[in-house]
Protein backbone atom coordinates (compact mmCIF):
# COMPACT_ATOMS: atom_id res chain seq x y z
CA MET A 1 117.00 74.84 124.91
CA ARG A 2 120.11 75.79 122.76
CA THR A 3 120.18 72.96 120.33
CA ALA A 4 116.30 73.92 119.20
CA ALA A 5 118.08 77.28 119.05
CA GLY A 6 120.74 76.05 116.38
CA ARG A 7 117.84 74.22 114.77
CA TYR A 8 115.07 77.09 114.16
CA TRP A 9 116.16 80.19 114.96
CA HIS A 10 117.68 80.76 111.49
CA LEU A 11 114.15 80.61 109.77
CA ALA A 12 112.69 83.32 112.69
CA ALA A 13 115.56 85.45 111.92
CA ALA A 14 114.90 85.40 108.88
CA LEU A 15 111.31 86.10 109.17
CA ILE A 16 112.00 89.34 111.14
CA THR A 17 114.40 90.48 109.10
CA LEU A 18 111.65 90.59 106.18
CA SER A 19 109.09 92.34 108.33
CA VAL A 20 111.99 95.06 108.85
CA PHE A 21 111.86 95.40 105.07
CA SER A 22 108.65 95.04 104.06
CA GLY A 23 106.31 97.70 102.18
CA CYS A 24 110.07 99.63 101.37
CA THR A 25 111.16 100.09 97.75
CA LEU A 26 115.15 100.15 98.23
CA PHE A 27 116.24 103.40 98.07
CA ALA A 28 112.82 105.48 96.99
CA ASP A 29 113.34 108.06 99.31
CA ASP A 30 116.59 108.66 98.03
CA PRO A 31 116.64 108.18 94.09
CA GLU A 32 119.91 109.53 93.22
CA PRO A 33 122.50 107.47 94.95
CA GLU A 34 125.63 109.57 95.76
CA SER A 35 128.47 109.75 93.61
CA GLU A 36 131.32 107.11 94.76
CA PRO A 37 134.63 106.51 93.52
CA ALA A 38 135.01 103.74 91.14
CA PRO A 39 134.90 100.58 92.73
CA VAL A 40 138.85 99.07 92.91
CA LYS A 41 139.72 95.71 92.30
CA THR A 42 139.45 93.52 95.30
CA ALA A 43 140.25 89.67 95.55
CA SER A 44 137.16 88.67 96.92
CA PRO A 45 133.61 89.57 96.12
CA LEU A 46 132.96 89.88 99.87
CA ASP A 47 135.74 93.36 99.88
CA SER A 48 132.87 95.82 98.44
CA VAL A 49 130.39 94.01 100.93
CA ALA A 50 132.06 94.67 104.27
CA GLU A 51 133.29 98.42 102.80
CA ASP A 52 129.63 98.95 102.47
CA PHE A 53 128.56 97.70 105.61
CA VAL A 54 131.37 99.24 107.95
CA ARG A 55 130.20 102.99 106.03
CA LEU A 56 126.89 102.10 106.68
CA ALA A 57 127.46 101.22 110.33
CA LEU A 58 128.92 104.45 110.80
CA ALA A 59 126.28 106.10 109.36
CA LEU A 60 123.81 104.56 112.05
CA GLY A 61 126.00 105.43 114.17
CA VAL A 62 125.31 109.18 113.85
CA HIS A 63 121.90 108.00 115.56
CA ASP A 64 122.92 105.45 118.40
CA ALA A 65 125.85 106.52 119.81
CA ASP A 66 126.08 103.45 121.24
CA TYR A 67 126.08 101.05 118.24
CA VAL A 68 129.82 101.55 117.32
CA ASP A 69 131.96 100.42 120.27
CA ALA A 70 134.87 100.50 118.74
CA TYR A 71 136.42 101.76 114.94
CA HIS A 72 140.10 102.01 113.96
CA GLY A 73 139.30 102.22 110.26
CA PRO A 74 139.98 105.07 107.88
CA GLN A 75 138.97 108.46 109.36
CA GLU A 76 137.88 109.86 106.08
CA TRP A 77 135.05 107.28 106.16
CA ARG A 78 133.76 108.07 109.84
CA GLU A 79 133.84 111.85 108.60
CA LYS A 80 131.91 111.35 105.88
CA ALA A 81 129.42 109.34 107.38
CA GLU A 82 128.77 112.19 109.59
CA SER A 83 128.98 114.79 107.10
CA ARG A 84 126.81 113.00 104.52
CA TYR A 85 123.47 112.42 106.96
CA LEU A 86 121.73 109.65 105.97
CA SER A 87 118.08 109.45 107.53
CA ILE A 88 116.96 105.83 110.01
CA GLY A 89 114.73 104.80 106.62
CA GLN A 90 117.58 105.41 104.28
CA ILE A 91 119.98 102.98 106.08
CA ASN A 92 117.12 100.08 106.34
CA ASN A 93 116.42 100.84 102.65
CA ARG A 94 120.52 100.57 102.39
CA ALA A 95 121.19 97.32 104.07
CA GLY A 96 118.38 95.63 102.45
CA SER A 97 119.53 96.10 99.63
CA LEU A 98 123.12 95.34 100.92
CA MET A 99 121.35 91.97 101.93
CA THR A 100 120.48 91.65 98.34
CA LYS A 101 124.34 92.46 97.37
CA LEU A 102 126.08 89.75 99.42
CA ALA A 103 122.96 86.94 98.11
CA GLN A 104 124.34 87.67 94.84
CA VAL A 105 128.03 86.08 95.91
CA ASP A 106 127.91 82.49 94.86
CA ALA A 107 128.78 81.32 98.60
CA THR A 108 129.76 77.63 97.08
CA THR A 109 132.53 79.36 95.59
CA LEU A 110 134.32 80.65 98.31
CA GLU A 111 137.55 78.99 100.31
CA ALA A 112 136.11 77.93 103.87
CA ASP A 113 137.84 80.84 105.75
CA GLU A 114 135.71 83.23 102.97
CA GLY A 115 132.59 81.02 103.49
CA LYS A 116 132.87 81.46 107.54
CA ARG A 117 132.94 84.90 105.95
CA TYR A 118 130.31 85.03 104.21
CA VAL A 119 128.21 83.87 106.68
CA PHE A 120 129.35 86.74 109.36
CA LEU A 121 128.52 89.51 107.68
CA GLU A 122 125.31 87.99 106.39
CA GLY A 123 125.05 88.22 110.65
CA GLN A 124 126.27 91.26 111.33
CA LEU A 125 123.56 93.00 108.51
CA ARG A 126 120.81 91.29 109.49
CA ALA A 127 121.97 92.43 113.67
CA LEU A 128 122.10 96.20 112.04
CA ALA A 129 119.03 95.76 109.94
CA ALA A 130 117.08 95.37 113.25
CA ARG A 131 119.22 97.37 115.29
CA ALA A 132 118.02 100.71 112.94
CA ALA A 133 114.56 99.47 113.39
CA LEU A 134 114.93 99.85 116.73
CA VAL A 135 116.28 103.24 116.88
CA GLU A 136 113.49 104.25 114.07
CA GLY A 137 110.96 102.90 116.77
CA ARG A 138 109.87 99.19 116.09
CA ASN A 139 109.88 97.08 119.41
CA PHE A 140 111.19 93.46 119.51
CA SER A 141 109.96 91.63 121.90
CA PHE A 142 113.31 90.29 124.19
CA ASP A 143 113.26 87.23 122.84
CA ALA A 144 112.67 88.10 118.97
CA GLU A 145 115.85 90.70 119.86
CA ALA A 146 118.17 88.00 121.11
CA ARG A 147 118.02 86.06 118.09
CA THR A 148 118.16 88.54 115.67
CA VAL A 149 120.67 90.80 117.03
CA TYR A 150 122.80 88.76 118.67
CA ASP A 151 122.01 84.82 117.25
CA VAL A 152 121.68 83.54 120.77
CA LEU A 153 117.91 81.83 121.65
CA PRO A 154 118.16 82.69 125.65
CA PRO A 155 116.69 80.07 127.89
CA VAL A 156 113.38 81.46 130.02
CA ASN A 157 113.65 80.87 133.60
CA GLY A 158 110.99 80.88 136.73
CA PRO A 159 112.01 81.22 140.29
CA GLU A 160 112.48 77.63 140.66
CA ALA A 161 115.36 77.83 138.63
CA PHE A 162 117.00 79.77 141.74
CA ASP A 163 115.68 78.32 144.93
CA ALA A 164 118.42 75.81 145.23
CA ALA A 165 121.27 78.41 145.84
CA ILE A 166 118.85 80.46 147.40
CA GLY A 167 118.17 77.85 149.94
CA LYS A 168 121.97 77.13 150.59
CA LEU A 169 122.69 80.98 150.49
CA ASP A 170 120.18 81.30 153.32
CA GLU A 171 121.98 78.98 155.71
CA LEU A 172 125.01 79.78 155.17
CA LEU A 173 124.02 83.75 155.69
CA PRO A 174 121.94 83.59 158.87
CA GLY A 175 120.57 86.65 160.77
CA GLU A 176 117.81 89.33 160.49
CA GLY A 177 116.69 91.05 157.46
CA ARG A 178 116.23 89.71 153.66
CA LEU A 179 118.67 87.69 152.09
CA SER A 180 119.94 90.50 150.00
CA GLU A 181 120.74 93.07 152.81
CA ARG A 182 122.75 89.58 154.77
CA LEU A 183 124.57 89.18 151.78
CA ASP A 184 125.38 92.62 151.15
CA ARG A 185 126.24 93.03 154.84
CA PHE A 186 128.81 90.05 154.52
CA ARG A 187 130.06 90.84 151.25
CA SER A 188 130.83 94.53 152.92
CA ASP A 189 133.77 92.75 154.87
CA PHE A 190 135.63 92.34 151.31
CA VAL A 191 135.58 95.75 149.78
CA ILE A 192 138.44 97.17 148.73
CA PRO A 193 139.69 100.48 150.36
CA PRO A 194 139.21 103.25 148.53
CA GLU A 195 142.91 104.18 148.78
CA ARG A 196 144.15 100.61 147.79
CA LEU A 197 141.81 100.24 144.61
CA ASP A 198 144.62 101.29 142.12
CA THR A 199 146.91 99.09 143.70
CA VAL A 200 144.50 96.11 143.84
CA PHE A 201 143.90 96.25 140.13
CA ARG A 202 147.16 96.51 138.58
CA LEU A 203 148.35 93.53 140.73
CA ALA A 204 145.66 91.91 139.01
CA ILE A 205 145.95 93.11 135.74
CA ASP A 206 149.62 92.23 135.71
CA GLU A 207 149.01 88.56 136.85
CA CYS A 208 146.21 88.35 134.21
CA ALA A 209 148.35 89.32 131.49
CA ARG A 210 151.46 87.29 132.64
CA ARG A 211 149.42 84.01 132.40
CA THR A 212 147.94 84.69 129.07
CA TYR A 213 151.28 85.81 127.86
CA GLU A 214 152.05 82.16 128.75
CA HIS A 215 149.36 80.96 126.02
CA ILE A 216 148.86 83.56 123.82
CA GLU A 217 151.62 85.86 121.57
CA LEU A 218 150.08 89.57 120.73
CA PRO A 219 151.74 92.28 118.94
CA ALA A 220 154.95 94.30 120.67
CA GLY A 221 153.66 97.97 121.76
CA GLU A 222 149.92 96.45 123.01
CA SER A 223 148.71 97.93 126.50
CA PHE A 224 146.19 99.98 128.56
CA THR A 225 145.26 102.85 130.25
CA LEU A 226 143.63 102.20 133.53
CA GLU A 227 141.09 104.65 134.56
CA TYR A 228 137.86 104.90 137.51
CA VAL A 229 134.90 107.04 136.44
CA THR A 230 131.60 107.48 138.40
CA ASP A 231 127.30 107.41 137.29
CA LYS A 232 127.57 104.55 134.74
CA PRO A 233 125.48 102.16 134.17
CA TRP A 234 128.41 99.61 133.54
CA SER A 235 131.06 97.94 135.82
CA GLY A 236 133.92 98.48 133.85
CA TYR A 237 134.21 98.97 130.34
CA ASN A 238 136.85 98.43 127.77
CA TRP A 239 137.33 100.91 125.00
CA TYR A 240 139.47 99.66 122.13
CA GLN A 241 141.76 102.48 120.84
CA GLY A 242 143.43 100.63 117.90
CA ASP A 243 146.93 99.72 117.23
CA SER A 244 146.45 96.97 120.12
CA ILE A 245 145.39 100.02 122.90
CA SER A 246 142.65 99.67 124.94
CA LEU A 247 140.91 102.69 127.62
CA ILE A 248 140.09 100.80 130.62
CA GLN A 249 137.07 102.22 132.79
CA VAL A 250 136.53 101.06 136.42
CA ASN A 251 133.55 102.86 137.84
CA THR A 252 133.38 103.57 141.99
CA ASP A 253 129.98 104.59 141.79
CA PHE A 254 129.42 101.61 144.31
CA PRO A 255 131.84 99.76 146.50
CA ILE A 256 134.32 97.63 144.90
CA HIS A 257 134.39 93.54 146.41
CA ILE A 258 137.80 91.74 146.10
CA SER A 259 136.36 89.61 143.61
CA ARG A 260 136.21 92.17 141.01
CA ALA A 261 139.13 93.00 140.77
CA VAL A 262 140.22 89.35 138.53
CA ASP A 263 137.10 89.79 137.43
CA LEU A 264 137.60 93.33 135.65
CA ALA A 265 141.01 92.60 134.95
CA CYS A 266 140.66 88.94 133.04
CA HIS A 267 137.43 90.26 131.47
CA GLU A 268 138.42 94.22 129.99
CA GLY A 269 142.02 93.03 129.51
CA TYR A 270 143.69 89.52 129.66
CA PRO A 271 142.25 87.11 128.23
CA GLY A 272 138.80 89.46 128.02
CA HIS A 273 138.48 92.30 125.60
CA HIS A 274 141.36 93.97 125.31
CA VAL A 275 143.02 90.70 124.10
CA TYR A 276 140.19 89.82 122.05
CA ASN A 277 139.97 93.52 119.84
CA THR A 278 143.83 93.05 119.52
CA LEU A 279 144.08 89.40 117.60
CA ILE A 280 141.18 90.95 115.40
CA GLU A 281 143.05 93.82 114.61
CA GLU A 282 145.95 91.73 113.97
CA HIS A 283 144.77 88.62 112.32
CA LEU A 284 141.47 89.99 110.95
CA VAL A 285 142.50 93.48 109.58
CA ARG A 286 146.12 93.39 109.90
CA ARG A 287 146.66 90.02 108.09
CA ARG A 288 144.05 89.13 105.83
CA GLY A 289 142.55 92.72 105.19
CA TRP A 290 139.02 91.69 105.94
CA VAL A 291 137.91 95.65 106.44
CA GLU A 292 134.45 94.83 108.79
CA PHE A 293 136.81 94.19 111.62
CA THR A 294 137.71 97.47 111.70
CA LEU A 295 134.37 97.96 113.62
CA PHE A 296 133.03 96.59 116.38
CA PRO A 297 128.84 96.69 116.29
CA LEU A 298 128.11 96.67 119.94
CA PHE A 299 124.49 95.45 119.04
CA SER A 300 125.56 92.38 117.13
CA PRO A 301 126.31 88.81 116.86
CA GLN A 302 129.96 89.60 118.05
CA GLY A 303 128.65 90.12 121.73
CA PRO A 304 127.62 86.90 122.36
CA ILE A 305 131.76 85.91 121.99
CA ALA A 306 132.87 89.05 122.94
CA GLU A 307 131.37 88.83 126.46
CA GLY A 308 131.11 85.42 126.66
CA SER A 309 135.10 84.59 125.81
CA ALA A 310 135.97 87.67 127.97
CA ASN A 311 133.84 85.60 131.29
CA PHE A 312 134.69 82.38 129.86
CA GLY A 313 138.51 83.47 130.66
CA ILE A 314 138.74 84.37 134.34
CA GLY A 315 138.50 80.59 134.61
CA LEU A 316 140.89 79.87 132.02
CA ALA A 317 143.01 82.10 133.33
CA PHE A 318 142.78 80.85 136.88
CA PRO A 319 142.08 77.60 136.41
CA ASP A 320 140.60 75.21 139.96
CA ASP A 321 142.20 77.02 143.24
CA GLU A 322 144.68 79.19 141.74
CA ARG A 323 142.83 81.89 141.70
CA MET A 324 142.16 81.88 145.29
CA ALA A 325 145.52 80.98 146.13
CA PHE A 326 146.69 84.23 144.26
CA GLU A 327 144.55 85.83 145.76
CA ARG A 328 145.15 84.81 149.20
CA ASP A 329 148.63 85.38 148.77
CA VAL A 330 148.51 88.32 147.02
CA LEU A 331 145.42 90.55 146.51
CA PHE A 332 143.58 90.34 150.21
CA PRO A 333 147.02 91.13 152.24
CA ALA A 334 147.30 93.97 149.61
CA ALA A 335 143.30 95.00 150.09
CA GLY A 336 144.08 94.85 153.63
CA LEU A 337 141.64 92.10 154.10
CA ASP A 338 141.63 88.80 156.18
CA SER A 339 143.45 86.41 154.14
CA GLU A 340 142.00 83.38 155.92
CA ARG A 341 138.04 83.92 155.20
CA VAL A 342 139.08 83.46 151.34
CA ALA A 343 137.71 79.76 150.73
CA GLU A 344 134.66 81.21 153.08
CA TYR A 345 134.28 84.54 150.40
CA TYR A 346 134.40 82.05 147.20
CA ALA A 347 131.75 79.39 149.02
CA VAL A 348 129.34 82.12 149.05
CA GLU A 349 130.20 83.70 145.49
CA ALA A 350 130.00 80.30 143.78
CA LEU A 351 126.31 80.15 145.13
CA ALA A 352 125.48 83.91 144.45
CA ASP A 353 127.08 83.30 140.93
CA GLU A 354 124.40 80.76 140.32
CA LEU A 355 121.76 83.32 140.12
CA ASN A 356 123.12 85.30 137.05
CA TYR A 357 120.85 84.50 134.83
CA ALA A 358 118.20 86.37 136.94
CA HIS A 359 119.55 89.08 135.14
CA ASN A 360 118.34 88.01 132.12
CA GLU A 361 114.32 87.67 133.52
CA ALA A 362 114.25 91.55 134.68
CA ALA A 363 115.40 92.34 130.60
CA ARG A 364 112.79 90.18 129.41
CA GLY A 365 109.91 91.83 131.89
CA ILE A 366 111.43 95.00 130.78
CA VAL A 367 111.49 95.00 127.30
CA ASN A 368 108.07 93.00 126.74
CA GLY A 369 106.82 94.96 129.21
CA THR A 370 105.49 92.19 131.55
CA MET A 371 107.60 94.19 134.43
CA SER A 372 107.50 97.70 135.70
CA ASP A 373 110.94 99.41 136.90
CA ASP A 374 109.21 98.66 140.09
CA GLU A 375 109.39 95.45 139.85
CA ALA A 376 112.30 94.23 138.29
CA GLN A 377 114.05 95.95 140.80
CA GLN A 378 111.97 93.54 143.25
CA TRP A 379 112.97 90.72 141.49
CA LEU A 380 116.62 91.32 140.90
CA MET A 381 117.21 91.56 145.21
CA THR A 382 114.86 88.55 145.25
CA TYR A 383 116.44 85.99 142.94
CA GLY A 384 119.55 88.23 142.21
CA LEU A 385 120.03 88.67 145.47
CA MET A 386 121.45 92.79 144.39
CA SER A 387 121.26 95.96 146.92
CA GLU A 388 118.49 97.72 146.35
CA GLU A 389 120.88 100.53 144.73
CA LYS A 390 123.11 97.63 142.81
CA ALA A 391 119.01 96.32 141.06
CA GLY A 392 118.90 99.94 140.47
CA GLN A 393 121.97 100.34 138.46
CA ARG A 394 120.71 96.95 136.88
CA VAL A 395 117.35 98.41 135.72
CA ALA A 396 119.21 101.12 134.29
CA PHE A 397 121.52 99.05 132.23
CA ILE A 398 118.27 96.94 130.71
CA HIS A 399 116.56 100.35 129.96
CA LYS A 400 120.01 101.38 128.09
CA TYR A 401 121.03 98.16 126.63
CA ARG A 402 117.95 95.84 126.67
CA ALA A 403 118.55 92.36 125.50
CA TYR A 404 122.43 92.63 125.36
CA VAL A 405 122.25 91.11 129.18
CA VAL A 406 122.26 87.59 127.38
CA ASN A 407 125.91 88.13 126.38
CA TYR A 408 127.49 87.50 129.61
CA ASN A 409 125.91 84.57 130.79
CA LEU A 410 124.46 83.01 127.78
CA GLY A 411 127.52 83.68 125.95
CA LYS A 412 129.74 82.25 128.37
CA ASP A 413 128.29 79.16 128.55
CA LEU A 414 128.06 79.01 124.80
CA VAL A 415 131.97 79.67 124.66
CA ALA A 416 132.71 77.30 127.71
CA GLU A 417 130.69 74.39 125.89
CA TYR A 418 132.45 75.10 122.59
CA VAL A 419 136.31 75.05 124.24
CA ASP A 420 135.60 71.81 126.18
CA SER A 421 134.51 70.14 123.46
CA ARG A 422 137.43 70.72 121.65
CA SER A 423 140.08 70.51 124.11
CA ASP A 424 141.42 67.50 125.41
CA SER A 425 144.17 69.36 127.57
CA PRO A 426 144.36 72.58 129.46
CA ASP A 427 147.18 74.14 126.96
CA ASN A 428 144.28 72.57 124.08
CA ARG A 429 142.11 74.86 125.73
CA TRP A 430 144.27 78.36 124.95
CA GLN A 431 144.58 77.06 121.74
CA VAL A 432 140.75 76.59 121.00
CA PHE A 433 139.86 79.40 122.44
CA GLU A 434 142.57 81.91 120.60
CA ALA A 435 141.27 80.29 117.28
CA LEU A 436 137.81 81.15 118.07
CA LEU A 437 138.77 84.80 118.64
CA THR A 438 140.70 85.01 115.51
CA GLU A 439 138.18 83.72 113.21
CA PRO A 440 134.29 84.99 111.82
CA THR A 441 132.30 83.05 114.02
CA LEU A 442 128.40 83.40 114.79
CA PRO A 443 127.30 82.49 118.23
CA SER A 444 124.81 80.15 116.55
CA ALA A 445 127.80 77.70 115.38
CA LEU A 446 128.81 77.50 119.09
CA VAL A 447 126.48 74.99 119.79
CA VAL A 448 127.37 71.71 121.06
CA LYS A 449 125.22 69.39 119.35
């Protein structure tokens, strides 16, 4: 399925992009171009395209509050985007004009790194145009959105894809009630008490950071702030502030199971989002001066690599049985849980993890209009084995983020296959992983041939 994506997704995406702009005369609704300072001579013909992209992305962020996930570029650019209002139609027109401007750069004359940058900017612009079209009211199918915005082709999984794992869990968790209820009862023995939550999370983050520091050098002074919040559609979030600083928020709407401590500490912190954003700022912005990386568009080809590397980083930091040993000896005692049940707990969680792609099918159904909210919630309870409350939260997440869900599981699989295909030792896996985070790479380039 993924190999096929590598062969034909570019054509499909190009057709979708053309349809976004069809019938439009560029700048027709903005006949008098705004005066701009005289362009500064730059070392690369891509620099002016990159700056225009950032300014246009900030303009889209005025309409779409979730689009700009992080920005640490010139503050006056953000202020100008907010004060110089562009309609969605104008943004679409300018995106088309900017794609034409990029196409006029002779990519064959660019050095290798600039060539990768060219392809990356092309993907970012295509995604921006598609997101602007969505904001304007155009609908995309789940697969079309995944291809055009995230540069991936998600697999289709019917109920039979989850039967084996569900059957094994049914044997491990006998009792009354539907399997999702039995799983929920089992997990209730492994909830971190609220009064111990901060202690457990900080222990997990410290260990994730220690293991990351052994392999990746980060700038002096990098740090994060940890907060606990409620009433969010997600379980955790990293808000990158720039200058190697992050705000990590953990949602406490629902009971937090012990496994989430390491999961969120690695995913949001080390070697996940905090490390990814810090390395991008250090290597691509400060060292290379690539201004397009001062902005992280949430709905873009960066999504699968950001989320995929964050999920892959959990197993990278804690290979084999090292995670269970750390949790048995440190986190379970800190949470006041029975350390003798670590192996039992993770045997169940490993099977439950095999159901992760069920989330994508619920999203596909909601986005395509083939599932009602109630049907999607029931699907998640049956094939994702979520509680009714968690399934409801996931449905709310899908309504807000649509096809973004593919970035967590398909993104992880793409990153894992890419890193493992280029590694010959545990240390080398870290080197390949770091190189991936510090290069302009599209997800389709991760497909192992």
